[in-house]
Amino acid sequence: MRRRTFLKLAASTTTAAAFQFGFPWAAAAGTGYVSFAGSLYRAGGAGKVETSADGGRTWRLHSDLGDMYSIKKLAVDRHNRLRLTVGYAGYTFPLVLAQDKRSWLLKA
Protein backbone atom coordinates (compact mmCIF):
# COMPACT_ATOMS: atom_id res chain seq x y z
CA MET A 1 0.00 0.00 0.00
CA ARG A 2 1.32 3.42 -0.86
CA ARG A 3 2.05 5.88 1.93
CA ARG A 4 -0.50 8.46 0.77
CA THR A 5 -3.29 5.90 0.52
CA PHE A 6 -2.40 4.53 3.94
CA LEU A 7 -2.49 8.00 5.53
CA LYS A 8 -5.90 8.78 4.00
CA LEU A 9 -7.30 5.48 5.20
CA ALA A 10 -5.85 5.89 8.70
CA ALA A 11 -7.20 9.44 9.02
CA SER A 12 -10.71 8.53 7.87
CA THR A 13 -10.83 5.49 10.16
CA THR A 14 -9.69 7.52 13.17
CA THR A 15 -12.22 10.27 12.45
CA ALA A 16 -15.08 7.80 12.01
CA ALA A 17 -14.20 6.03 15.27
CA ALA A 18 -13.99 9.35 17.13
CA PHE A 19 -17.47 10.35 16.00
CA GLN A 20 -18.95 6.94 16.75
CA PHE A 21 -17.47 6.50 20.23
CA GLY A 22 -17.14 10.13 21.25
CA PHE A 23 -14.05 12.23 21.60
CA PRO A 24 -11.94 11.57 24.69
CA TRP A 25 -11.70 15.32 25.36
CA ALA A 26 -14.96 17.23 25.59
CA ALA A 27 -13.92 20.87 25.55
CA ALA A 28 -16.17 23.87 25.16
CA ALA A 29 -15.00 24.81 21.69
CA GLY A 30 -14.59 28.52 21.06
CA THR A 31 -15.63 29.71 24.52
CA GLY A 32 -12.23 29.69 26.17
CA TYR A 33 -13.50 28.00 29.32
CA VAL A 34 -14.93 24.68 30.48
CA SER A 35 -17.57 23.87 33.06
CA PHE A 36 -16.56 21.42 35.78
CA ALA A 37 -18.09 20.63 39.19
CA GLY A 38 -20.29 23.72 39.22
CA SER A 39 -17.52 26.16 38.31
CA LEU A 40 -15.97 27.52 35.15
CA TYR A 41 -12.25 27.06 34.46
CA ARG A 42 -10.08 28.87 31.91
CA ALA A 43 -6.44 29.41 31.04
CA GLY A 44 -5.66 32.81 32.46
CA GLY A 45 -2.24 33.49 30.97
CA ALA A 46 1.25 32.04 31.13
CA GLY A 47 0.87 28.96 33.32
CA LYS A 48 -2.22 30.21 35.09
CA VAL A 49 -5.62 28.57 35.54
CA GLU A 50 -8.54 30.69 36.74
CA THR A 51 -11.94 29.70 38.06
CA SER A 52 -15.32 31.42 38.29
CA ALA A 53 -18.25 30.46 40.50
CA ASP A 54 -20.59 33.18 39.17
CA GLY A 55 -20.89 32.22 35.51
CA GLY A 56 -17.81 34.10 34.33
CA ARG A 57 -18.53 37.54 35.76
CA THR A 58 -15.50 37.40 38.06
CA TRP A 59 -12.44 35.18 37.89
CA ARG A 60 -9.95 34.21 40.59
CA LEU A 61 -6.61 32.46 40.36
CA HIS A 62 -6.85 28.70 40.88
CA SER A 63 -3.32 27.58 39.93
CA ASP A 64 -0.13 29.34 38.94
CA LEU A 65 2.26 26.81 37.41
CA GLY A 66 4.82 29.48 36.50
CA ASP A 67 5.58 31.71 33.54
CA MET A 68 7.77 29.09 31.86
CA TYR A 69 4.73 26.85 31.25
CA SER A 70 1.92 27.37 28.75
CA ILE A 71 -1.60 26.00 28.96
CA LYS A 72 -2.25 24.12 25.72
CA LYS A 73 -5.64 22.60 26.51
CA LEU A 74 -8.15 22.61 29.33
CA ALA A 75 -10.99 20.10 29.01
CA VAL A 76 -13.27 17.66 30.78
CA ASP A 77 -12.77 14.06 29.65
CA ARG A 78 -15.39 11.34 29.30
CA HIS A 79 -14.67 10.15 32.85
CA ASN A 80 -15.67 13.60 34.17
CA ARG A 81 -12.13 14.63 35.13
CA LEU A 82 -10.71 18.06 34.47
CA ARG A 83 -7.60 17.65 32.32
CA LEU A 84 -4.92 20.18 31.61
CA THR A 85 -2.30 19.87 28.88
CA VAL A 86 0.77 21.90 29.75
CA GLY A 87 3.57 22.91 27.42
CA TYR A 88 7.20 23.29 28.48
CA ALA A 89 10.33 23.59 26.32
CA GLY A 90 8.59 22.24 23.23
CA TYR A 91 7.04 19.24 25.03
CA THR A 92 3.57 18.70 26.46
CA PHE A 93 2.40 16.69 29.44
CA PRO A 94 -1.06 15.95 30.87
CA LEU A 95 -2.30 16.86 34.33
CA VAL A 96 -5.57 15.89 36.04
CA LEU A 97 -7.26 17.88 38.78
CA ALA A 98 -7.03 15.93 42.05
CA GLN A 99 -10.09 15.05 44.12
CA ASP A 100 -9.37 17.95 46.49
CA LYS A 101 -9.93 20.26 43.46
CA ARG A 102 -6.80 22.24 44.36
CA SER A 103 -3.79 20.28 43.15
CA TRP A 104 -2.85 18.69 39.84
CA LEU A 105 -1.67 15.11 39.30
CA LEU A 106 0.54 13.94 36.46
CA LYS A 107 -1.42 11.43 34.37
CA ALA A 108 -0.45 9.60 31.21
PDB file of N, CA and C in Angstrom:
ATOM      1  N   MET A   1       0.851  -1.171   0.000  1.00  0.00           N
ATOM      2  CA  MET A   1       0.000   0.000   0.000  1.00  0.00           C
ATOM      3  C   MET A   1       0.900   1.238   0.000  1.00  0.00           C
ATOM      4  N   ARG A   2       0.529   2.201  -0.785  1.00  0.00           N
ATOM      5  CA  ARG A   2       1.320   3.419  -0.864  1.00  0.00           C
ATOM      6  C   ARG A   2       1.094   4.285   0.372  1.00  0.00           C
ATOM      7  N   ARG A   3       2.092   5.065   0.712  1.00  0.00           N
ATOM      8  CA  ARG A   3       2.048   5.884   1.927  1.00  0.00           C
ATOM      9  C   ARG A   3       0.855   6.836   1.936  1.00  0.00           C
ATOM     10  N   ARG A   4       0.601   7.499   0.841  1.00  0.00           N
ATOM     11  CA  ARG A   4      -0.498   8.465   0.765  1.00  0.00           C
ATOM     12  C   ARG A   4      -1.851   7.785   0.985  1.00  0.00           C
ATOM     13  N   THR A   5      -2.049   6.645   0.356  1.00  0.00           N
ATOM     14  CA  THR A   5      -3.289   5.897   0.523  1.00  0.00           C
ATOM     15  C   THR A   5      -3.446   5.437   1.967  1.00  0.00           C
ATOM     16  N   PHE A   6      -2.353   4.972   2.551  1.00  0.00           N
ATOM     17  CA  PHE A   6      -2.401   4.533   3.940  1.00  0.00           C
ATOM     18  C   PHE A   6      -2.787   5.682   4.869  1.00  0.00           C
ATOM     19  N   LEU A   7      -2.193   6.852   4.673  1.00  0.00           N
ATOM     20  CA  LEU A   7      -2.490   8.000   5.529  1.00  0.00           C
ATOM     21  C   LEU A   7      -3.947   8.434   5.392  1.00  0.00           C
ATOM     22  N   LYS A   8      -4.485   8.431   4.194  1.00  0.00           N
ATOM     23  CA  LYS A   8      -5.900   8.778   3.998  1.00  0.00           C
ATOM     24  C   LYS A   8      -6.801   7.790   4.722  1.00  0.00           C
ATOM     25  N   LEU A   9      -6.504   6.514   4.566  1.00  0.00           N
ATOM     26  CA  LEU A   9      -7.301   5.475   5.198  1.00  0.00           C
ATOM     27  C   LEU A   9      -7.214   5.572   6.719  1.00  0.00           C
ATOM     28  N   ALA A  10      -6.025   5.787   7.251  1.00  0.00           N
ATOM     29  CA  ALA A  10      -5.850   5.895   8.699  1.00  0.00           C
ATOM     30  C   ALA A  10      -6.590   7.108   9.253  1.00  0.00           C
ATOM     31  N   ALA A  11      -6.526   8.228   8.562  1.00  0.00           N
ATOM     32  CA  ALA A  11      -7.205   9.442   9.021  1.00  0.00           C
ATOM     33  C   ALA A  11      -8.716   9.284   9.001  1.00  0.00           C
ATOM     34  N   SER A  12      -9.260   8.691   7.942  1.00  0.00           N
ATOM     35  CA  SER A  12     -10.711   8.527   7.865  1.00  0.00           C
ATOM     36  C   SER A  12     -11.211   7.523   8.899  1.00  0.00           C
ATOM     37  N   THR A  13     -10.449   6.475   9.157  1.00  0.00           N
ATOM     38  CA  THR A  13     -10.832   5.488  10.165  1.00  0.00           C
ATOM     39  C   THR A  13     -10.811   6.094  11.556  1.00  0.00           C
ATOM     40  N   THR A  14      -9.789   6.876  11.859  1.00  0.00           N
ATOM     41  CA  THR A  14      -9.685   7.521  13.166  1.00  0.00           C
ATOM     42  C   THR A  14     -10.821   8.504  13.370  1.00  0.00           C
ATOM     43  N   THR A  15     -11.134   9.293  12.353  1.00  0.00           N
ATOM     44  CA  THR A  15     -12.216  10.269  12.452  1.00  0.00           C
ATOM     45  C   THR A  15     -13.549   9.580  12.639  1.00  0.00           C
ATOM     46  N   ALA A  16     -13.813   8.527  11.881  1.00  0.00           N
ATOM     47  CA  ALA A  16     -15.077   7.796  12.010  1.00  0.00           C
ATOM     48  C   ALA A  16     -15.220   7.189  13.397  1.00  0.00           C
ATOM     49  N   ALA A  17     -14.149   6.627  13.932  1.00  0.00           N
ATOM     50  CA  ALA A  17     -14.199   6.033  15.268  1.00  0.00           C
ATOM     51  C   ALA A  17     -14.430   7.102  16.331  1.00  0.00           C
ATOM     52  N   ALA A  18     -13.817   8.270  16.160  1.00  0.00           N
ATOM     53  CA  ALA A  18     -13.993   9.348  17.133  1.00  0.00           C
ATOM     54  C   ALA A  18     -15.439   9.817  17.172  1.00  0.00           C
ATOM     55  N   PHE A  19     -16.078   9.923  16.020  1.00  0.00           N
ATOM     56  CA  PHE A  19     -17.472  10.352  16.003  1.00  0.00           C
ATOM     57  C   PHE A  19     -18.402   9.273  16.540  1.00  0.00           C
ATOM     58  N   GLN A  20     -18.098   8.027  16.288  1.00  0.00           N
ATOM     59  CA  GLN A  20     -18.954   6.942  16.748  1.00  0.00           C
ATOM     60  C   GLN A  20     -18.855   6.751  18.258  1.00  0.00           C
ATOM     61  N   PHE A  21     -17.652   6.787  18.812  1.00  0.00           N
ATOM     62  CA  PHE A  21     -17.466   6.498  20.230  1.00  0.00           C
ATOM     63  C   PHE A  21     -17.300   7.737  21.089  1.00  0.00           C
ATOM     64  N   GLY A  22     -17.294   8.889  20.502  1.00  0.00           N
ATOM     65  CA  GLY A  22     -17.140  10.130  21.254  1.00  0.00           C
ATOM     66  C   GLY A  22     -15.675  10.488  21.430  1.00  0.00           C
ATOM     67  N   PHE A  23     -15.417  11.756  21.416  1.00  0.00           N
ATOM     68  CA  PHE A  23     -14.048  12.228  21.596  1.00  0.00           C
ATOM     69  C   PHE A  23     -13.637  12.061  23.045  1.00  0.00           C
ATOM     70  N   PRO A  24     -12.376  11.723  23.309  1.00  0.00           N
ATOM     71  CA  PRO A  24     -11.936  11.570  24.689  1.00  0.00           C
ATOM     72  C   PRO A  24     -11.849  12.891  25.440  1.00  0.00           C
ATOM     73  N   TRP A  25     -11.743  14.002  24.730  1.00  0.00           N
ATOM     74  CA  TRP A  25     -11.703  15.320  25.356  1.00  0.00           C
ATOM     75  C   TRP A  25     -12.947  16.088  24.940  1.00  0.00           C
ATOM     76  N   ALA A  26     -13.760  16.462  25.880  1.00  0.00           N
ATOM     77  CA  ALA A  26     -14.955  17.233  25.586  1.00  0.00           C
ATOM     78  C   ALA A  26     -14.723  18.661  26.051  1.00  0.00           C
ATOM     79  N   ALA A  27     -14.204  19.481  25.203  1.00  0.00           N
ATOM     80  CA  ALA A  27     -13.921  20.873  25.549  1.00  0.00           C
ATOM     81  C   ALA A  27     -15.011  21.768  24.995  1.00  0.00           C
ATOM     82  N   ALA A  28     -15.213  22.884  25.648  1.00  0.00           N
ATOM     83  CA  ALA A  28     -16.166  23.870  25.159  1.00  0.00           C
ATOM     84  C   ALA A  28     -15.491  24.654  24.053  1.00  0.00           C
ATOM     85  N   ALA A  29     -15.705  24.240  22.834  1.00  0.00           N
ATOM     86  CA  ALA A  29     -14.997  24.814  21.692  1.00  0.00           C
ATOM     87  C   ALA A  29     -15.384  26.274  21.495  1.00  0.00           C
ATOM     88  N   GLY A  30     -14.369  27.122  21.383  1.00  0.00           N
ATOM     89  CA  GLY A  30     -14.590  28.516  21.056  1.00  0.00           C
ATOM     90  C   GLY A  30     -14.940  29.417  22.230  1.00  0.00           C
ATOM     91  N   THR A  31     -15.230  28.862  23.407  1.00  0.00           N
ATOM     92  CA  THR A  31     -15.628  29.706  24.523  1.00  0.00           C
ATOM     93  C   THR A  31     -14.446  30.134  25.370  1.00  0.00           C
ATOM     94  N   GLY A  32     -13.384  29.347  25.378  1.00  0.00           N
ATOM     95  CA  GLY A  32     -12.225  29.695  26.174  1.00  0.00           C
ATOM     96  C   GLY A  32     -12.293  29.190  27.597  1.00  0.00           C
ATOM     97  N   TYR A  33     -13.382  28.551  27.983  1.00  0.00           N
ATOM     98  CA  TYR A  33     -13.499  28.001  29.323  1.00  0.00           C
ATOM     99  C   TYR A  33     -14.284  26.694  29.272  1.00  0.00           C
ATOM    100  N   VAL A  34     -14.172  25.925  30.356  1.00  0.00           N
ATOM    101  CA  VAL A  34     -14.930  24.681  30.484  1.00  0.00           C
ATOM    102  C   VAL A  34     -15.671  24.693  31.813  1.00  0.00           C
ATOM    103  N   SER A  35     -16.774  23.999  31.853  1.00  0.00           N
ATOM    104  CA  SER A  35     -17.566  23.874  33.063  1.00  0.00           C
ATOM    105  C   SER A  35     -17.228  22.553  33.736  1.00  0.00           C
ATOM    106  N   PHE A  36     -16.913  22.625  35.039  1.00  0.00           N
ATOM    107  CA  PHE A  36     -16.563  21.421  35.781  1.00  0.00           C
ATOM    108  C   PHE A  36     -16.948  21.603  37.242  1.00  0.00           C
ATOM    109  N   ALA A  37     -17.703  20.664  37.772  1.00  0.00           N
ATOM    110  CA  ALA A  37     -18.090  20.626  39.192  1.00  0.00           C
ATOM    111  C   ALA A  37     -18.723  21.934  39.659  1.00  0.00           C
ATOM    112  N   GLY A  38     -19.575  22.508  38.841  1.00  0.00           N
ATOM    113  CA  GLY A  38     -20.292  23.717  39.223  1.00  0.00           C
ATOM    114  C   GLY A  38     -19.525  25.014  39.064  1.00  0.00           C
ATOM    115  N   SER A  39     -18.317  24.957  38.532  1.00  0.00           N
ATOM    116  CA  SER A  39     -17.518  26.158  38.314  1.00  0.00           C
ATOM    117  C   SER A  39     -17.018  26.187  36.880  1.00  0.00           C
ATOM    118  N   LEU A  40     -16.595  27.365  36.454  1.00  0.00           N
ATOM    119  CA  LEU A  40     -15.969  27.516  35.145  1.00  0.00           C
ATOM    120  C   LEU A  40     -14.463  27.611  35.343  1.00  0.00           C
ATOM    121  N   TYR A  41     -13.709  27.015  34.426  1.00  0.00           N
ATOM    122  CA  TYR A  41     -12.251  27.058  34.458  1.00  0.00           C
ATOM    123  C   TYR A  41     -11.759  27.581  33.116  1.00  0.00           C
ATOM    124  N   ARG A  42     -10.683  28.385  33.145  1.00  0.00           N
ATOM    125  CA  ARG A  42     -10.076  28.869  31.911  1.00  0.00           C
ATOM    126  C   ARG A  42      -8.576  29.068  32.119  1.00  0.00           C
ATOM    127  N   ALA A  43      -7.864  29.077  31.003  1.00  0.00           N
ATOM    128  CA  ALA A  43      -6.441  29.405  31.037  1.00  0.00           C
ATOM    129  C   ALA A  43      -6.348  30.915  31.153  1.00  0.00           C
ATOM    130  N   GLY A  44      -5.673  31.379  32.180  1.00  0.00           N
ATOM    131  CA  GLY A  44      -5.659  32.812  32.460  1.00  0.00           C
ATOM    132  C   GLY A  44      -4.379  33.514  32.065  1.00  0.00           C
ATOM    133  N   GLY A  45      -3.500  32.872  31.358  1.00  0.00           N
ATOM    134  CA  GLY A  45      -2.242  33.487  30.970  1.00  0.00           C
ATOM    135  C   GLY A  45      -1.133  32.466  31.086  1.00  0.00           C
ATOM    136  N   ALA A  46       0.083  32.930  31.107  1.00  0.00           N
ATOM    137  CA  ALA A  46       1.250  32.039  31.133  1.00  0.00           C
ATOM    138  C   ALA A  46       1.245  31.172  32.382  1.00  0.00           C
ATOM    139  N   GLY A  47       0.852  29.916  32.232  1.00  0.00           N
ATOM    140  CA  GLY A  47       0.874  28.964  33.325  1.00  0.00           C
ATOM    141  C   GLY A  47      -0.189  29.146  34.380  1.00  0.00           C
ATOM    142  N   LYS A  48      -1.186  29.935  34.092  1.00  0.00           N
ATOM    143  CA  LYS A  48      -2.219  30.214  35.091  1.00  0.00           C
ATOM    144  C   LYS A  48      -3.565  29.586  34.705  1.00  0.00           C
ATOM    145  N   VAL A  49      -4.269  29.083  35.708  1.00  0.00           N
ATOM    146  CA  VAL A  49      -5.624  28.568  35.541  1.00  0.00           C
ATOM    147  C   VAL A  49      -6.510  29.369  36.481  1.00  0.00           C
ATOM    148  N   GLU A  50      -7.607  29.891  35.946  1.00  0.00           N
ATOM    149  CA  GLU A  50      -8.536  30.687  36.741  1.00  0.00           C
ATOM    150  C   GLU A  50      -9.875  29.975  36.831  1.00  0.00           C
ATOM    151  N   THR A  51     -10.636  30.306  37.866  1.00  0.00           N
ATOM    152  CA  THR A  51     -11.943  29.705  38.064  1.00  0.00           C
ATOM    153  C   THR A  51     -12.973  30.786  38.387  1.00  0.00           C
ATOM    154  N   SER A  52     -14.221  30.504  38.034  1.00  0.00           N
ATOM    155  CA  SER A  52     -15.323  31.418  38.294  1.00  0.00           C
ATOM    156  C   SER A  52     -16.504  30.626  38.831  1.00  0.00           C
ATOM    157  N   ALA A  53     -17.073  31.104  39.917  1.00  0.00           N
ATOM    158  CA  ALA A  53     -18.254  30.461  40.496  1.00  0.00           C
ATOM    159  C   ALA A  53     -19.524  31.222  40.157  1.00  0.00           C
ATOM    160  N   ASP A  54     -19.404  32.359  39.466  1.00  0.00           N
ATOM    161  CA  ASP A  54     -20.586  33.180  39.167  1.00  0.00           C
ATOM    162  C   ASP A  54     -20.854  33.294  37.664  1.00  0.00           C
ATOM    163  N   GLY A  55     -20.583  32.240  36.941  1.00  0.00           N
ATOM    164  CA  GLY A  55     -20.890  32.215  35.513  1.00  0.00           C
ATOM    165  C   GLY A  55     -19.957  33.033  34.643  1.00  0.00           C
ATOM    166  N   GLY A  56     -18.786  33.376  35.131  1.00  0.00           N
ATOM    167  CA  GLY A  56     -17.810  34.099  34.328  1.00  0.00           C
ATOM    168  C   GLY A  56     -17.776  35.594  34.552  1.00  0.00           C
ATOM    169  N   ARG A  57     -18.563  36.104  35.488  1.00  0.00           N
ATOM    170  CA  ARG A  57     -18.527  37.545  35.756  1.00  0.00           C
ATOM    171  C   ARG A  57     -17.222  37.949  36.439  1.00  0.00           C
ATOM    172  N   THR A  58     -16.779  37.146  37.400  1.00  0.00           N
ATOM    173  CA  THR A  58     -15.501  37.401  38.061  1.00  0.00           C
ATOM    174  C   THR A  58     -14.659  36.130  38.029  1.00  0.00           C
ATOM    175  N   TRP A  59     -13.360  36.306  37.944  1.00  0.00           N
ATOM    176  CA  TRP A  59     -12.436  35.183  37.885  1.00  0.00           C
ATOM    177  C   TRP A  59     -11.407  35.328  38.989  1.00  0.00           C
ATOM    178  N   ARG A  60     -11.020  34.196  39.591  1.00  0.00           N
ATOM    179  CA  ARG A  60      -9.953  34.211  40.587  1.00  0.00           C
ATOM    180  C   ARG A  60      -8.918  33.146  40.223  1.00  0.00           C
ATOM    181  N   LEU A  61      -7.705  33.369  40.662  1.00  0.00           N
ATOM    182  CA  LEU A  61      -6.608  32.461  40.356  1.00  0.00           C
ATOM    183  C   LEU A  61      -6.807  31.125  41.070  1.00  0.00           C
ATOM    184  N   HIS A  62      -6.760  30.055  40.310  1.00  0.00           N
ATOM    185  CA  HIS A  62      -6.855  28.703  40.878  1.00  0.00           C
ATOM    186  C   HIS A  62      -5.454  28.102  41.013  1.00  0.00           C
ATOM    187  N   SER A  63      -4.665  28.171  39.946  1.00  0.00           N
ATOM    188  CA  SER A  63      -3.321  27.583  39.931  1.00  0.00           C
ATOM    189  C   SER A  63      -2.380  28.492  39.153  1.00  0.00           C
ATOM    190  N   ASP A  64      -1.172  28.621  39.657  1.00  0.00           N
ATOM    191  CA  ASP A  64      -0.125  29.339  38.944  1.00  0.00           C
ATOM    192  C   ASP A  64       1.059  28.386  38.818  1.00  0.00           C
ATOM    193  N   LEU A  65       1.207  27.786  37.637  1.00  0.00           N
ATOM    194  CA  LEU A  65       2.260  26.815  37.411  1.00  0.00           C
ATOM    195  C   LEU A  65       3.607  27.478  37.144  1.00  0.00           C
ATOM    196  N   GLY A  66       3.590  28.745  36.802  1.00  0.00           N
ATOM    197  CA  GLY A  66       4.817  29.475  36.501  1.00  0.00           C
ATOM    198  C   GLY A  66       4.811  29.984  35.075  1.00  0.00           C
ATOM    199  N   ASP A  67       5.552  31.072  34.851  1.00  0.00           N
ATOM    200  CA  ASP A  67       5.576  31.714  33.539  1.00  0.00           C
ATOM    201  C   ASP A  67       6.245  30.869  32.466  1.00  0.00           C
ATOM    202  N   MET A  68       7.070  29.907  32.858  1.00  0.00           N
ATOM    203  CA  MET A  68       7.770  29.093  31.865  1.00  0.00           C
ATOM    204  C   MET A  68       6.878  28.029  31.241  1.00  0.00           C
ATOM    205  N   TYR A  69       5.670  27.836  31.785  1.00  0.00           N
ATOM    206  CA  TYR A  69       4.728  26.852  31.251  1.00  0.00           C
ATOM    207  C   TYR A  69       3.635  27.552  30.457  1.00  0.00           C
ATOM    208  N   SER A  70       3.069  26.846  29.484  1.00  0.00           N
ATOM    209  CA  SER A  70       1.918  27.370  28.747  1.00  0.00           C
ATOM    210  C   SER A  70       0.783  26.355  28.845  1.00  0.00           C
ATOM    211  N   ILE A  71      -0.419  26.856  28.905  1.00  0.00           N
ATOM    212  CA  ILE A  71      -1.598  26.000  28.961  1.00  0.00           C
ATOM    213  C   ILE A  71      -2.028  25.733  27.525  1.00  0.00           C
ATOM    214  N   LYS A  72      -1.906  24.489  27.087  1.00  0.00           N
ATOM    215  CA  LYS A  72      -2.251  24.116  25.718  1.00  0.00           C
ATOM    216  C   LYS A  72      -3.720  23.743  25.579  1.00  0.00           C
ATOM    217  N   LYS A  73      -4.254  23.045  26.580  1.00  0.00           N
ATOM    218  CA  LYS A  73      -5.636  22.598  26.510  1.00  0.00           C
ATOM    219  C   LYS A  73      -6.180  22.416  27.914  1.00  0.00           C
ATOM    220  N   LEU A  74      -7.439  22.798  28.083  1.00  0.00           N
ATOM    221  CA  LEU A  74      -8.154  22.611  29.334  1.00  0.00           C
ATOM    222  C   LEU A  74      -9.489  22.002  28.951  1.00  0.00           C
ATOM    223  N   ALA A  75      -9.783  20.804  29.439  1.00  0.00           N
ATOM    224  CA  ALA A  75     -10.990  20.104  29.006  1.00  0.00           C
ATOM    225  C   ALA A  75     -11.460  19.126  30.074  1.00  0.00           C
ATOM    226  N   VAL A  76     -12.698  18.696  29.929  1.00  0.00           N
ATOM    227  CA  VAL A  76     -13.268  17.657  30.776  1.00  0.00           C
ATOM    228  C   VAL A  76     -13.343  16.392  29.930  1.00  0.00           C
ATOM    229  N   ASP A  77     -12.766  15.298  30.433  1.00  0.00           N
ATOM    230  CA  ASP A  77     -12.767  14.062  29.654  1.00  0.00           C
ATOM    231  C   ASP A  77     -14.054  13.263  29.890  1.00  0.00           C
ATOM    232  N   ARG A  78     -14.157  12.135  29.224  1.00  0.00           N
ATOM    233  CA  ARG A  78     -15.391  11.342  29.299  1.00  0.00           C
ATOM    234  C   ARG A  78     -15.587  10.674  30.652  1.00  0.00           C
ATOM    235  N   HIS A  79     -14.560  10.686  31.497  1.00  0.00           N
ATOM    236  CA  HIS A  79     -14.674  10.150  32.854  1.00  0.00           C
ATOM    237  C   HIS A  79     -14.952  11.257  33.863  1.00  0.00           C
ATOM    238  N   ASN A  80     -15.336  12.423  33.370  1.00  0.00           N
ATOM    239  CA  ASN A  80     -15.670  13.597  34.168  1.00  0.00           C
ATOM    240  C   ASN A  80     -14.501  14.035  35.058  1.00  0.00           C
ATOM    241  N   ARG A  81     -13.318  14.115  34.455  1.00  0.00           N
ATOM    242  CA  ARG A  81     -12.131  14.629  35.127  1.00  0.00           C
ATOM    243  C   ARG A  81     -11.646  15.856  34.365  1.00  0.00           C
ATOM    244  N   LEU A  82     -11.255  16.866  35.100  1.00  0.00           N
ATOM    245  CA  LEU A  82     -10.708  18.062  34.469  1.00  0.00           C
ATOM    246  C   LEU A  82      -9.260  17.784  34.106  1.00  0.00           C
ATOM    247  N   ARG A  83      -8.941  17.918  32.838  1.00  0.00           N
ATOM    248  CA  ARG A  83      -7.596  17.645  32.324  1.00  0.00           C
ATOM    249  C   ARG A  83      -6.972  18.937  31.819  1.00  0.00           C
ATOM    250  N   LEU A  84      -5.679  19.022  32.014  1.00  0.00           N
ATOM    251  CA  LEU A  84      -4.917  20.181  31.608  1.00  0.00           C
ATOM    252  C   LEU A  84      -3.704  19.678  30.836  1.00  0.00           C
ATOM    253  N   THR A  85      -3.503  20.197  29.644  1.00  0.00           N
ATOM    254  CA  THR A  85      -2.304  19.870  28.884  1.00  0.00           C
ATOM    255  C   THR A  85      -1.382  21.076  28.964  1.00  0.00           C
ATOM    256  N   VAL A  86      -0.187  20.833  29.477  1.00  0.00           N
ATOM    257  CA  VAL A  86       0.765  21.900  29.752  1.00  0.00           C
ATOM    258  C   VAL A  86       1.948  21.770  28.799  1.00  0.00           C
ATOM    259  N   GLY A  87       2.410  22.892  28.282  1.00  0.00           N
ATOM    260  CA  GLY A  87       3.570  22.910  27.419  1.00  0.00           C
ATOM    261  C   GLY A  87       4.777  23.458  28.148  1.00  0.00           C
ATOM    262  N   TYR A  88       5.939  22.827  27.891  1.00  0.00           N
ATOM    263  CA  TYR A  88       7.196  23.290  28.480  1.00  0.00           C
ATOM    264  C   TYR A  88       8.340  22.880  27.569  1.00  0.00           C
ATOM    265  N   ALA A  89       9.126  23.818  27.130  1.00  0.00           N
ATOM    266  CA  ALA A  89      10.326  23.589  26.320  1.00  0.00           C
ATOM    267  C   ALA A  89      10.038  22.727  25.088  1.00  0.00           C
ATOM    268  N   GLY A  90       8.920  22.969  24.435  1.00  0.00           N
ATOM    269  CA  GLY A  90       8.586  22.236  23.227  1.00  0.00           C
ATOM    270  C   GLY A  90       7.911  20.896  23.458  1.00  0.00           C
ATOM    271  N   TYR A  91       7.698  20.501  24.696  1.00  0.00           N
ATOM    272  CA  TYR A  91       7.039  19.244  25.025  1.00  0.00           C
ATOM    273  C   TYR A  91       5.719  19.528  25.736  1.00  0.00           C
ATOM    274  N   THR A  92       4.823  18.565  25.724  1.00  0.00           N
ATOM    275  CA  THR A  92       3.571  18.696  26.464  1.00  0.00           C
ATOM    276  C   THR A  92       3.434  17.518  27.422  1.00  0.00           C
ATOM    277  N   PHE A  93       2.707  17.755  28.502  1.00  0.00           N
ATOM    278  CA  PHE A  93       2.403  16.688  29.437  1.00  0.00           C
ATOM    279  C   PHE A  93       1.019  16.932  30.033  1.00  0.00           C
ATOM    280  N   PRO A  94       0.306  15.830  30.364  1.00  0.00           N
ATOM    281  CA  PRO A  94      -1.059  15.953  30.873  1.00  0.00           C
ATOM    282  C   PRO A  94      -1.109  16.002  32.396  1.00  0.00           C
ATOM    283  N   LEU A  95      -2.019  16.805  32.902  1.00  0.00           N
ATOM    284  CA  LEU A  95      -2.301  16.863  34.328  1.00  0.00           C
ATOM    285  C   LEU A  95      -3.799  16.649  34.534  1.00  0.00           C
ATOM    286  N   VAL A  96      -4.167  16.101  35.678  1.00  0.00           N
ATOM    287  CA  VAL A  96      -5.570  15.889  36.038  1.00  0.00           C
ATOM    288  C   VAL A  96      -5.804  16.549  37.389  1.00  0.00           C
ATOM    289  N   LEU A  97      -6.929  17.238  37.523  1.00  0.00           N
ATOM    290  CA  LEU A  97      -7.257  17.878  38.783  1.00  0.00           C
ATOM    291  C   LEU A  97      -7.537  16.807  39.832  1.00  0.00           C
ATOM    292  N   ALA A  98      -6.876  16.904  40.980  1.00  0.00           N
ATOM    293  CA  ALA A  98      -7.034  15.926  42.055  1.00  0.00           C
ATOM    294  C   ALA A  98      -8.417  16.043  42.685  1.00  0.00           C
ATOM    295  N   GLN A  99      -8.763  15.069  43.495  1.00  0.00           N
ATOM    296  CA  GLN A  99     -10.091  15.050  44.124  1.00  0.00           C
ATOM    297  C   GLN A  99     -10.299  16.234  45.058  1.00  0.00           C
ATOM    298  N   ASP A 100      -9.224  16.789  45.620  1.00  0.00           N
ATOM    299  CA  ASP A 100      -9.371  17.954  46.494  1.00  0.00           C
ATOM    300  C   ASP A 100      -9.671  19.232  45.706  1.00  0.00           C
ATOM    301  N   LYS A 101      -9.642  19.152  44.384  1.00  0.00           N
ATOM    302  CA  LYS A 101      -9.930  20.261  43.458  1.00  0.00           C
ATOM    303  C   LYS A 101      -9.002  21.451  43.660  1.00  0.00           C
ATOM    304  N   ARG A 102      -7.781  21.183  44.176  1.00  0.00           N
ATOM    305  CA  ARG A 102      -6.797  22.239  44.357  1.00  0.00           C
ATOM    306  C   ARG A 102      -5.478  21.922  43.686  1.00  0.00           C
ATOM    307  N   SER A 103      -5.088  20.661  43.689  1.00  0.00           N
ATOM    308  CA  SER A 103      -3.787  20.282  43.154  1.00  0.00           C
ATOM    309  C   SER A 103      -3.947  19.480  41.866  1.00  0.00           C
ATOM    310  N   TRP A 104      -2.865  19.395  41.109  1.00  0.00           N
ATOM    311  CA  TRP A 104      -2.845  18.690  39.838  1.00  0.00           C
ATOM    312  C   TRP A 104      -1.968  17.454  39.949  1.00  0.00           C
ATOM    313  N   LEU A 105      -2.417  16.375  39.318  1.00  0.00           N
ATOM    314  CA  LEU A 105      -1.672  15.114  39.301  1.00  0.00           C
ATOM    315  C   LEU A 105      -1.199  14.834  37.891  1.00  0.00           C
ATOM    316  N   LEU A 106       0.005  14.309  37.764  1.00  0.00           N
ATOM    317  CA  LEU A 106       0.540  13.941  36.462  1.00  0.00           C
ATOM    318  C   LEU A 106      -0.097  12.621  36.037  1.00  0.00           C
ATOM    319  N   LYS A 107      -0.758  12.625  34.892  1.00  0.00           N
ATOM    320  CA  LYS A 107      -1.416  11.426  34.371  1.00  0.00           C
ATOM    321  C   LYS A 107      -1.002  11.199  32.938  1.00  0.00           C
ATOM    322  N   ALA A 108      -0.819   9.947  32.584  1.00  0.00           N
ATOM    323  CA  ALA A 108      -0.449   9.598  31.209  1.00  0.00           C
ATOM    324  C   ALA A 108      -1.678   9.283  30.400  1.00  0.00           C
TER     325      ALA A 108
END
